[in-house]
Amino acid sequence: MTREENIDFIVYSIWVLQGDYVPYEKFENYTDAELDKEVEWQEYLWEEKRERISKTTQRHSPTKHYTKRRTALLSFLNEL
């Protein structure tokens, strides 16, 4: 990504993930190495968010529960 794209990504990530507004200008004086490090950190935070959402979705997913109930019901009906 270009320098500008990195800064856009960082600013957007902070806005979405942390709910904070950080001006674009804050990152203009960062070195390329500092920007790369910040991009890596934001990517890590995005991955953490994805994992939390995935775990929450799995935990609250009724599919497993309903599948067990459906299997038990079908087994019962087949015995009749």
PDB file of N, CA and C in Angstrom:
ATOM      1  N   MET A   1       0.845  -1.183   0.000  1.00  0.00           N
ATOM      2  CA  MET A   1       0.000   0.000   0.000  1.00  0.00           C
ATOM      3  C   MET A   1       0.885   1.239   0.000  1.00  0.00           C
ATOM      4  N   THR A   2       0.343   2.293  -0.531  1.00  0.00           N
ATOM      5  CA  THR A   2       1.082   3.550  -0.523  1.00  0.00           C
ATOM      6  C   THR A   2       1.026   4.162   0.870  1.00  0.00           C
ATOM      7  N   ARG A   3       1.831   5.154   1.068  1.00  0.00           N
ATOM      8  CA  ARG A   3       1.860   5.862   2.351  1.00  0.00           C
ATOM      9  C   ARG A   3       0.482   6.436   2.691  1.00  0.00           C
ATOM     10  N   GLU A   4      -0.159   7.040   1.695  1.00  0.00           N
ATOM     11  CA  GLU A   4      -1.480   7.632   1.904  1.00  0.00           C
ATOM     12  C   GLU A   4      -2.517   6.563   2.250  1.00  0.00           C
ATOM     13  N   GLU A   5      -2.438   5.422   1.572  1.00  0.00           N
ATOM     14  CA  GLU A   5      -3.368   4.325   1.858  1.00  0.00           C
ATOM     15  C   GLU A   5      -3.159   3.778   3.270  1.00  0.00           C
ATOM     16  N   ASN A   6      -1.904   3.704   3.690  1.00  0.00           N
ATOM     17  CA  ASN A   6      -1.616   3.256   5.053  1.00  0.00           C
ATOM     18  C   ASN A   6      -2.234   4.202   6.076  1.00  0.00           C
ATOM     19  N   ILE A   7      -2.053   5.492   5.855  1.00  0.00           N
ATOM     20  CA  ILE A   7      -2.611   6.475   6.785  1.00  0.00           C
ATOM     21  C   ILE A   7      -4.132   6.406   6.775  1.00  0.00           C
ATOM     22  N   ASP A   8      -4.732   6.294   5.601  1.00  0.00           N
ATOM     23  CA  ASP A   8      -6.193   6.156   5.517  1.00  0.00           C
ATOM     24  C   ASP A   8      -6.666   4.931   6.297  1.00  0.00           C
ATOM     25  N   PHE A   9      -5.973   3.823   6.127  1.00  0.00           N
ATOM     26  CA  PHE A   9      -6.326   2.590   6.822  1.00  0.00           C
ATOM     27  C   PHE A   9      -6.238   2.768   8.334  1.00  0.00           C
ATOM     28  N   ILE A  10      -5.183   3.397   8.796  1.00  0.00           N
ATOM     29  CA  ILE A  10      -4.992   3.606  10.233  1.00  0.00           C
ATOM     30  C   ILE A  10      -6.102   4.490  10.799  1.00  0.00           C
ATOM     31  N   VAL A  11      -6.354   5.613  10.145  1.00  0.00           N
ATOM     32  CA  VAL A  11      -7.386   6.548  10.619  1.00  0.00           C
ATOM     33  C   VAL A  11      -8.752   5.867  10.634  1.00  0.00           C
ATOM     34  N   TYR A  12      -9.078   5.153   9.562  1.00  0.00           N
ATOM     35  CA  TYR A  12     -10.355   4.445   9.479  1.00  0.00           C
ATOM     36  C   TYR A  12     -10.463   3.376  10.569  1.00  0.00           C
ATOM     37  N   SER A  13      -9.391   2.626  10.771  1.00  0.00           N
ATOM     38  CA  SER A  13      -9.401   1.560  11.774  1.00  0.00           C
ATOM     39  C   SER A  13      -9.624   2.113  13.173  1.00  0.00           C
ATOM     40  N   ILE A  14      -8.943   3.180  13.494  1.00  0.00           N
ATOM     41  CA  ILE A  14      -9.114   3.786  14.817  1.00  0.00           C
ATOM     42  C   ILE A  14     -10.552   4.266  14.984  1.00  0.00           C
ATOM     43  N   TRP A  15     -11.109   4.847  13.933  1.00  0.00           N
ATOM     44  CA  TRP A  15     -12.489   5.332  13.982  1.00  0.00           C
ATOM     45  C   TRP A  15     -13.467   4.172  14.220  1.00  0.00           C
ATOM     46  N   VAL A  16     -13.317   3.097  13.475  1.00  0.00           N
ATOM     47  CA  VAL A  16     -14.257   1.976  13.562  1.00  0.00           C
ATOM     48  C   VAL A  16     -14.026   1.142  14.821  1.00  0.00           C
ATOM     49  N   LEU A  17     -12.792   0.789  15.094  1.00  0.00           N
ATOM     50  CA  LEU A  17     -12.502  -0.143  16.183  1.00  0.00           C
ATOM     51  C   LEU A  17     -12.524   0.499  17.564  1.00  0.00           C
ATOM     52  N   GLN A  18     -12.117   1.758  17.648  1.00  0.00           N
ATOM     53  CA  GLN A  18     -12.008   2.395  18.953  1.00  0.00           C
ATOM     54  C   GLN A  18     -13.010   3.527  19.140  1.00  0.00           C
ATOM     55  N   GLY A  19     -13.648   3.931  18.052  1.00  0.00           N
ATOM     56  CA  GLY A  19     -14.623   5.010  18.142  1.00  0.00           C
ATOM     57  C   GLY A  19     -13.995   6.376  18.350  1.00  0.00           C
ATOM     58  N   ASP A  20     -12.730   6.491  18.034  1.00  0.00           N
ATOM     59  CA  ASP A  20     -12.013   7.757  18.205  1.00  0.00           C
ATOM     60  C   ASP A  20     -11.688   8.369  16.857  1.00  0.00           C
ATOM     61  N   TYR A  21     -11.717   9.694  16.825  1.00  0.00           N
ATOM     62  CA  TYR A  21     -11.300  10.397  15.616  1.00  0.00           C
ATOM     63  C   TYR A  21      -9.858  10.835  15.800  1.00  0.00           C
ATOM     64  N   VAL A  22      -9.026  10.458  14.867  1.00  0.00           N
ATOM     65  CA  VAL A  22      -7.632  10.888  14.863  1.00  0.00           C
ATOM     66  C   VAL A  22      -7.396  11.578  13.531  1.00  0.00           C
ATOM     67  N   PRO A  23      -6.908  12.814  13.558  1.00  0.00           N
ATOM     68  CA  PRO A  23      -6.691  13.518  12.294  1.00  0.00           C
ATOM     69  C   PRO A  23      -5.596  12.868  11.452  1.00  0.00           C
ATOM     70  N   TYR A  24      -5.811  12.920  10.165  1.00  0.00           N
ATOM     71  CA  TYR A  24      -4.884  12.376   9.177  1.00  0.00           C
ATOM     72  C   TYR A  24      -3.483  12.951   9.386  1.00  0.00           C
ATOM     73  N   GLU A  25      -3.443  14.218   9.726  1.00  0.00           N
ATOM     74  CA  GLU A  25      -2.166  14.930   9.860  1.00  0.00           C
ATOM     75  C   GLU A  25      -1.275  14.337  10.946  1.00  0.00           C
ATOM     76  N   LYS A  26      -1.865  13.691  11.924  1.00  0.00           N
ATOM     77  CA  LYS A  26      -1.074  13.108  13.011  1.00  0.00           C
ATOM     78  C   LYS A  26      -0.048  12.113  12.480  1.00  0.00           C
ATOM     79  N   PHE A  27      -0.395  11.415  11.413  1.00  0.00           N
ATOM     80  CA  PHE A  27       0.466  10.353  10.899  1.00  0.00           C
ATOM     81  C   PHE A  27       1.363  10.799   9.743  1.00  0.00           C
ATOM     82  N   GLU A  28       1.213  12.025   9.287  1.00  0.00           N
ATOM     83  CA  GLU A  28       2.020  12.491   8.152  1.00  0.00           C
ATOM     84  C   GLU A  28       3.507  12.545   8.468  1.00  0.00           C
ATOM     85  N   ASN A  29       3.855  12.784   9.734  1.00  0.00           N
ATOM     86  CA  ASN A  29       5.266  12.887  10.109  1.00  0.00           C
ATOM     87  C   ASN A  29       5.869  11.553  10.538  1.00  0.00           C
ATOM     88  N   TYR A  30       5.084  10.492  10.538  1.00  0.00           N
ATOM     89  CA  TYR A  30       5.591   9.170  10.891  1.00  0.00           C
ATOM     90  C   TYR A  30       6.545   8.688   9.800  1.00  0.00           C
ATOM     91  N   THR A  31       7.566   7.964  10.216  1.00  0.00           N
ATOM     92  CA  THR A  31       8.450   7.336   9.234  1.00  0.00           C
ATOM     93  C   THR A  31       7.715   6.145   8.627  1.00  0.00           C
ATOM     94  N   ASP A  32       8.247   5.630   7.536  1.00  0.00           N
ATOM     95  CA  ASP A  32       7.632   4.457   6.912  1.00  0.00           C
ATOM     96  C   ASP A  32       7.616   3.268   7.874  1.00  0.00           C
ATOM     97  N   ALA A  33       8.680   3.119   8.642  1.00  0.00           N
ATOM     98  CA  ALA A  33       8.748   2.018   9.612  1.00  0.00           C
ATOM     99  C   ALA A  33       7.677   2.178  10.692  1.00  0.00           C
ATOM    100  N   GLU A  34       7.477   3.397  11.163  1.00  0.00           N
ATOM    101  CA  GLU A  34       6.440   3.644  12.172  1.00  0.00           C
ATOM    102  C   GLU A  34       5.048   3.381  11.607  1.00  0.00           C
ATOM    103  N   LEU A  35       4.835   3.796  10.364  1.00  0.00           N
ATOM    104  CA  LEU A  35       3.539   3.537   9.722  1.00  0.00           C
ATOM    105  C   LEU A  35       3.303   2.043   9.558  1.00  0.00           C
ATOM    106  N   ASP A  36       4.334   1.321   9.127  1.00  0.00           N
ATOM    107  CA  ASP A  36       4.200  -0.129   8.963  1.00  0.00           C
ATOM    108  C   ASP A  36       3.852  -0.800  10.288  1.00  0.00           C
ATOM    109  N   LYS A  37       4.494  -0.344  11.352  1.00  0.00           N
ATOM    110  CA  LYS A  37       4.221  -0.905  12.674  1.00  0.00           C
ATOM    111  C   LYS A  37       2.779  -0.611  13.095  1.00  0.00           C
ATOM    112  N   GLU A  38       2.315   0.600  12.837  1.00  0.00           N
ATOM    113  CA  GLU A  38       0.938   0.972  13.183  1.00  0.00           C
ATOM    114  C   GLU A  38      -0.070   0.193  12.338  1.00  0.00           C
ATOM    115  N   VAL A  39       0.233  -0.023  11.069  1.00  0.00           N
ATOM    116  CA  VAL A  39      -0.646  -0.819  10.202  1.00  0.00           C
ATOM    117  C   VAL A  39      -0.730  -2.249  10.736  1.00  0.00           C
ATOM    118  N   GLU A  40       0.405  -2.818  11.121  1.00  0.00           N
ATOM    119  CA  GLU A  40       0.406  -4.171  11.687  1.00  0.00           C
ATOM    120  C   GLU A  40      -0.457  -4.237  12.942  1.00  0.00           C
ATOM    121  N   TRP A  41      -0.346  -3.212  13.791  1.00  0.00           N
ATOM    122  CA  TRP A  41      -1.133  -3.180  15.017  1.00  0.00           C
ATOM    123  C   TRP A  41      -2.627  -3.113  14.696  1.00  0.00           C
ATOM    124  N   GLN A  42      -3.010  -2.271  13.748  1.00  0.00           N
ATOM    125  CA  GLN A  42      -4.424  -2.147  13.384  1.00  0.00           C
ATOM    126  C   GLN A  42      -4.941  -3.445  12.758  1.00  0.00           C
ATOM    127  N   GLU A  43      -4.122  -4.099  11.945  1.00  0.00           N
ATOM    128  CA  GLU A  43      -4.523  -5.389  11.372  1.00  0.00           C
ATOM    129  C   GLU A  43      -4.737  -6.421  12.471  1.00  0.00           C
ATOM    130  N   TYR A  44      -3.871  -6.393  13.475  1.00  0.00           N
ATOM    131  CA  TYR A  44      -4.028  -7.296  14.622  1.00  0.00           C
ATOM    132  C   TYR A  44      -5.354  -7.021  15.332  1.00  0.00           C
ATOM    133  N   LEU A  45      -5.688  -5.753  15.541  1.00  0.00           N
ATOM    134  CA  LEU A  45      -6.945  -5.402  16.206  1.00  0.00           C
ATOM    135  C   LEU A  45      -8.156  -5.843  15.391  1.00  0.00           C
ATOM    136  N   TRP A  46      -8.065  -5.717  14.059  1.00  0.00           N
ATOM    137  CA  TRP A  46      -9.162  -6.193  13.201  1.00  0.00           C
ATOM    138  C   TRP A  46      -9.339  -7.698  13.358  1.00  0.00           C
ATOM    139  N   GLU A  47      -8.226  -8.428  13.398  1.00  0.00           N
ATOM    140  CA  GLU A  47      -8.297  -9.885  13.543  1.00  0.00           C
ATOM    141  C   GLU A  47      -8.906 -10.262  14.889  1.00  0.00           C
ATOM    142  N   GLU A  48      -8.526  -9.548  15.942  1.00  0.00           N
ATOM    143  CA  GLU A  48      -9.109  -9.782  17.262  1.00  0.00           C
ATOM    144  C   GLU A  48     -10.620  -9.570  17.230  1.00  0.00           C
ATOM    145  N   LYS A  49     -11.041  -8.510  16.553  1.00  0.00           N
ATOM    146  CA  LYS A  49     -12.478  -8.235  16.457  1.00  0.00           C
ATOM    147  C   LYS A  49     -13.183  -9.360  15.701  1.00  0.00           C
ATOM    148  N   ARG A  50     -12.595  -9.820  14.599  1.00  0.00           N
ATOM    149  CA  ARG A  50     -13.184 -10.925  13.835  1.00  0.00           C
ATOM    150  C   ARG A  50     -13.331 -12.177  14.699  1.00  0.00           C
ATOM    151  N   GLU A  51     -12.315 -12.478  15.474  1.00  0.00           N
ATOM    152  CA  GLU A  51     -12.353 -13.663  16.336  1.00  0.00           C
ATOM    153  C   GLU A  51     -13.421 -13.533  17.411  1.00  0.00           C
ATOM    154  N   ARG A  52     -13.543 -12.335  18.017  1.00  0.00           N
ATOM    155  CA  ARG A  52     -14.580 -12.130  19.033  1.00  0.00           C
ATOM    156  C   ARG A  52     -15.965 -12.298  18.434  1.00  0.00           C
ATOM    157  N   ILE A  53     -16.172 -11.748  17.246  1.00  0.00           N
ATOM    158  CA  ILE A  53     -17.470 -11.874  16.583  1.00  0.00           C
ATOM    159  C   ILE A  53     -17.746 -13.330  16.256  1.00  0.00           C
ATOM    160  N   SER A  54     -16.739 -14.027  15.767  1.00  0.00           N
ATOM    161  CA  SER A  54     -16.899 -15.439  15.421  1.00  0.00           C
ATOM    162  C   SER A  54     -17.252 -16.267  16.654  1.00  0.00           C
ATOM    163  N   LYS A  55     -16.563 -16.035  17.763  1.00  0.00           N
ATOM    164  CA  LYS A  55     -16.845 -16.769  18.993  1.00  0.00           C
ATOM    165  C   LYS A  55     -18.243 -16.459  19.502  1.00  0.00           C
ATOM    166  N   THR A  56     -18.645 -15.199  19.444  1.00  0.00           N
ATOM    167  CA  THR A  56     -19.978 -14.805  19.893  1.00  0.00           C
ATOM    168  C   THR A  56     -21.035 -15.452  19.027  1.00  0.00           C
ATOM    169  N   THR A  57     -20.812 -15.460  17.729  1.00  0.00           N
ATOM    170  CA  THR A  57     -21.767 -16.062  16.805  1.00  0.00           C
ATOM    171  C   THR A  57     -21.888 -17.558  17.063  1.00  0.00           C
ATOM    172  N   GLN A  58     -20.772 -18.224  17.270  1.00  0.00           N
ATOM    173  CA  GLN A  58     -20.800 -19.665  17.537  1.00  0.00           C
ATOM    174  C   GLN A  58     -21.482 -19.967  18.861  1.00  0.00           C
ATOM    175  N   ARG A  59     -21.215 -19.139  19.857  1.00  0.00           N
ATOM    176  CA  ARG A  59     -21.770 -19.372  21.180  1.00  0.00           C
ATOM    177  C   ARG A  59     -23.288 -19.219  21.173  1.00  0.00           C
ATOM    178  N   HIS A  60     -23.785 -18.273  20.393  1.00  0.00           N
ATOM    179  CA  HIS A  60     -25.215 -17.998  20.368  1.00  0.00           C
ATOM    180  C   HIS A  60     -25.927 -18.665  19.204  1.00  0.00           C
ATOM    181  N   SER A  61     -25.209 -19.456  18.449  1.00  0.00           N
ATOM    182  CA  SER A  61     -25.817 -20.111  17.295  1.00  0.00           C
ATOM    183  C   SER A  61     -26.707 -21.264  17.754  1.00  0.00           C
ATOM    184  N   PRO A  62     -27.970 -21.234  17.377  1.00  0.00           N
ATOM    185  CA  PRO A  62     -28.882 -22.297  17.796  1.00  0.00           C
ATOM    186  C   PRO A  62     -28.765 -23.565  16.952  1.00  0.00           C
ATOM    187  N   THR A  63     -27.987 -23.538  15.911  1.00  0.00           N
ATOM    188  CA  THR A  63     -27.929 -24.650  14.968  1.00  0.00           C
ATOM    189  C   THR A  63     -27.605 -25.976  15.646  1.00  0.00           C
ATOM    190  N   LYS A  64     -26.584 -25.989  16.480  1.00  0.00           N
ATOM    191  CA  LYS A  64     -26.166 -27.223  17.131  1.00  0.00           C
ATOM    192  C   LYS A  64     -27.296 -27.773  18.007  1.00  0.00           C
ATOM    193  N   HIS A  65     -27.919 -26.911  18.774  1.00  0.00           N
ATOM    194  CA  HIS A  65     -29.008 -27.309  19.666  1.00  0.00           C
ATOM    195  C   HIS A  65     -30.177 -27.869  18.867  1.00  0.00           C
ATOM    196  N   TYR A  66     -30.582 -27.152  17.817  1.00  0.00           N
ATOM    197  CA  TYR A  66     -31.718 -27.600  17.014  1.00  0.00           C
ATOM    198  C   TYR A  66     -31.414 -28.889  16.259  1.00  0.00           C
ATOM    199  N   THR A  67     -30.191 -29.068  15.848  1.00  0.00           N
ATOM    200  CA  THR A  67     -29.817 -30.294  15.145  1.00  0.00           C
ATOM    201  C   THR A  67     -29.977 -31.497  16.067  1.00  0.00           C
ATOM    202  N   LYS A  68     -29.542 -31.360  17.313  1.00  0.00           N
ATOM    203  CA  LYS A  68     -29.696 -32.456  18.273  1.00  0.00           C
ATOM    204  C   LYS A  68     -31.172 -32.757  18.515  1.00  0.00           C
ATOM    205  N   ARG A  69     -31.965 -31.710  18.684  1.00  0.00           N
ATOM    206  CA  ARG A  69     -33.400 -31.911  18.927  1.00  0.00           C
ATOM    207  C   ARG A  69     -34.074 -32.543  17.719  1.00  0.00           C
ATOM    208  N   ARG A  70     -33.699 -32.086  16.538  1.00  0.00           N
ATOM    209  CA  ARG A  70     -34.291 -32.620  15.308  1.00  0.00           C
ATOM    210  C   ARG A  70     -33.949 -34.099  15.151  1.00  0.00           C
ATOM    211  N   THR A  71     -32.695 -34.446  15.410  1.00  0.00           N
ATOM    212  CA  THR A  71     -32.259 -35.838  15.315  1.00  0.00           C
ATOM    213  C   THR A  71     -33.030 -36.713  16.301  1.00  0.00           C
ATOM    214  N   ALA A  72     -33.188 -36.224  17.522  1.00  0.00           N
ATOM    215  CA  ALA A  72     -33.927 -36.986  18.533  1.00  0.00           C
ATOM    216  C   ALA A  72     -35.385 -37.154  18.122  1.00  0.00           C
ATOM    217  N   LEU A  73     -35.994 -36.103  17.593  1.00  0.00           N
ATOM    218  CA  LEU A  73     -37.393 -36.171  17.166  1.00  0.00           C
ATOM    219  C   LEU A  73     -37.564 -37.146  16.008  1.00  0.00           C
ATOM    220  N   LEU A  74     -36.681 -37.085  15.026  1.00  0.00           N
ATOM    221  CA  LEU A  74     -36.769 -38.006  13.891  1.00  0.00           C
ATOM    222  C   LEU A  74     -36.573 -39.453  14.334  1.00  0.00           C
ATOM    223  N   SER A  75     -35.663 -39.656  15.256  1.00  0.00           N
ATOM    224  CA  SER A  75     -35.432 -40.996  15.781  1.00  0.00           C
ATOM    225  C   SER A  75     -36.690 -41.511  16.478  1.00  0.00           C
ATOM    226  N   PHE A  76     -37.318 -40.662  17.268  1.00  0.00           N
ATOM    227  CA  PHE A  76     -38.551 -41.030  17.963  1.00  0.00           C
ATOM    228  C   PHE A  76     -39.662 -41.357  16.972  1.00  0.00           C
ATOM    229  N   LEU A  77     -39.811 -40.520  15.944  1.00  0.00           N
ATOM    230  CA  LEU A  77     -40.872 -40.733  14.957  1.00  0.00           C
ATOM    231  C   LEU A  77     -40.648 -42.012  14.156  1.00  0.00           C
ATOM    232  N   ASN A  78     -39.406 -42.354  13.897  1.00  0.00           N
ATOM    233  CA  ASN A  78     -39.102 -43.584  13.158  1.00  0.00           C
ATOM    234  C   ASN A  78     -39.460 -44.830  13.957  1.00  0.00           C
ATOM    235  N   GLU A  79     -39.430 -44.707  15.269  1.00  0.00           N
ATOM    236  CA  GLU A  79     -39.770 -45.845  16.121  1.00  0.00           C
ATOM    237  C   GLU A  79     -41.272 -46.104  16.153  1.00  0.00           C
ATOM    238  N   LEU A  80     -42.082 -45.117  15.809  1.00  0.00           N
ATOM    239  CA  LEU A  80     -43.547 -45.282  15.850  1.00  0.00           C
ATOM    240  C   LEU A  80     -44.066 -46.145  14.768  1.00  0.00           C
TER     241      LEU A  80
END
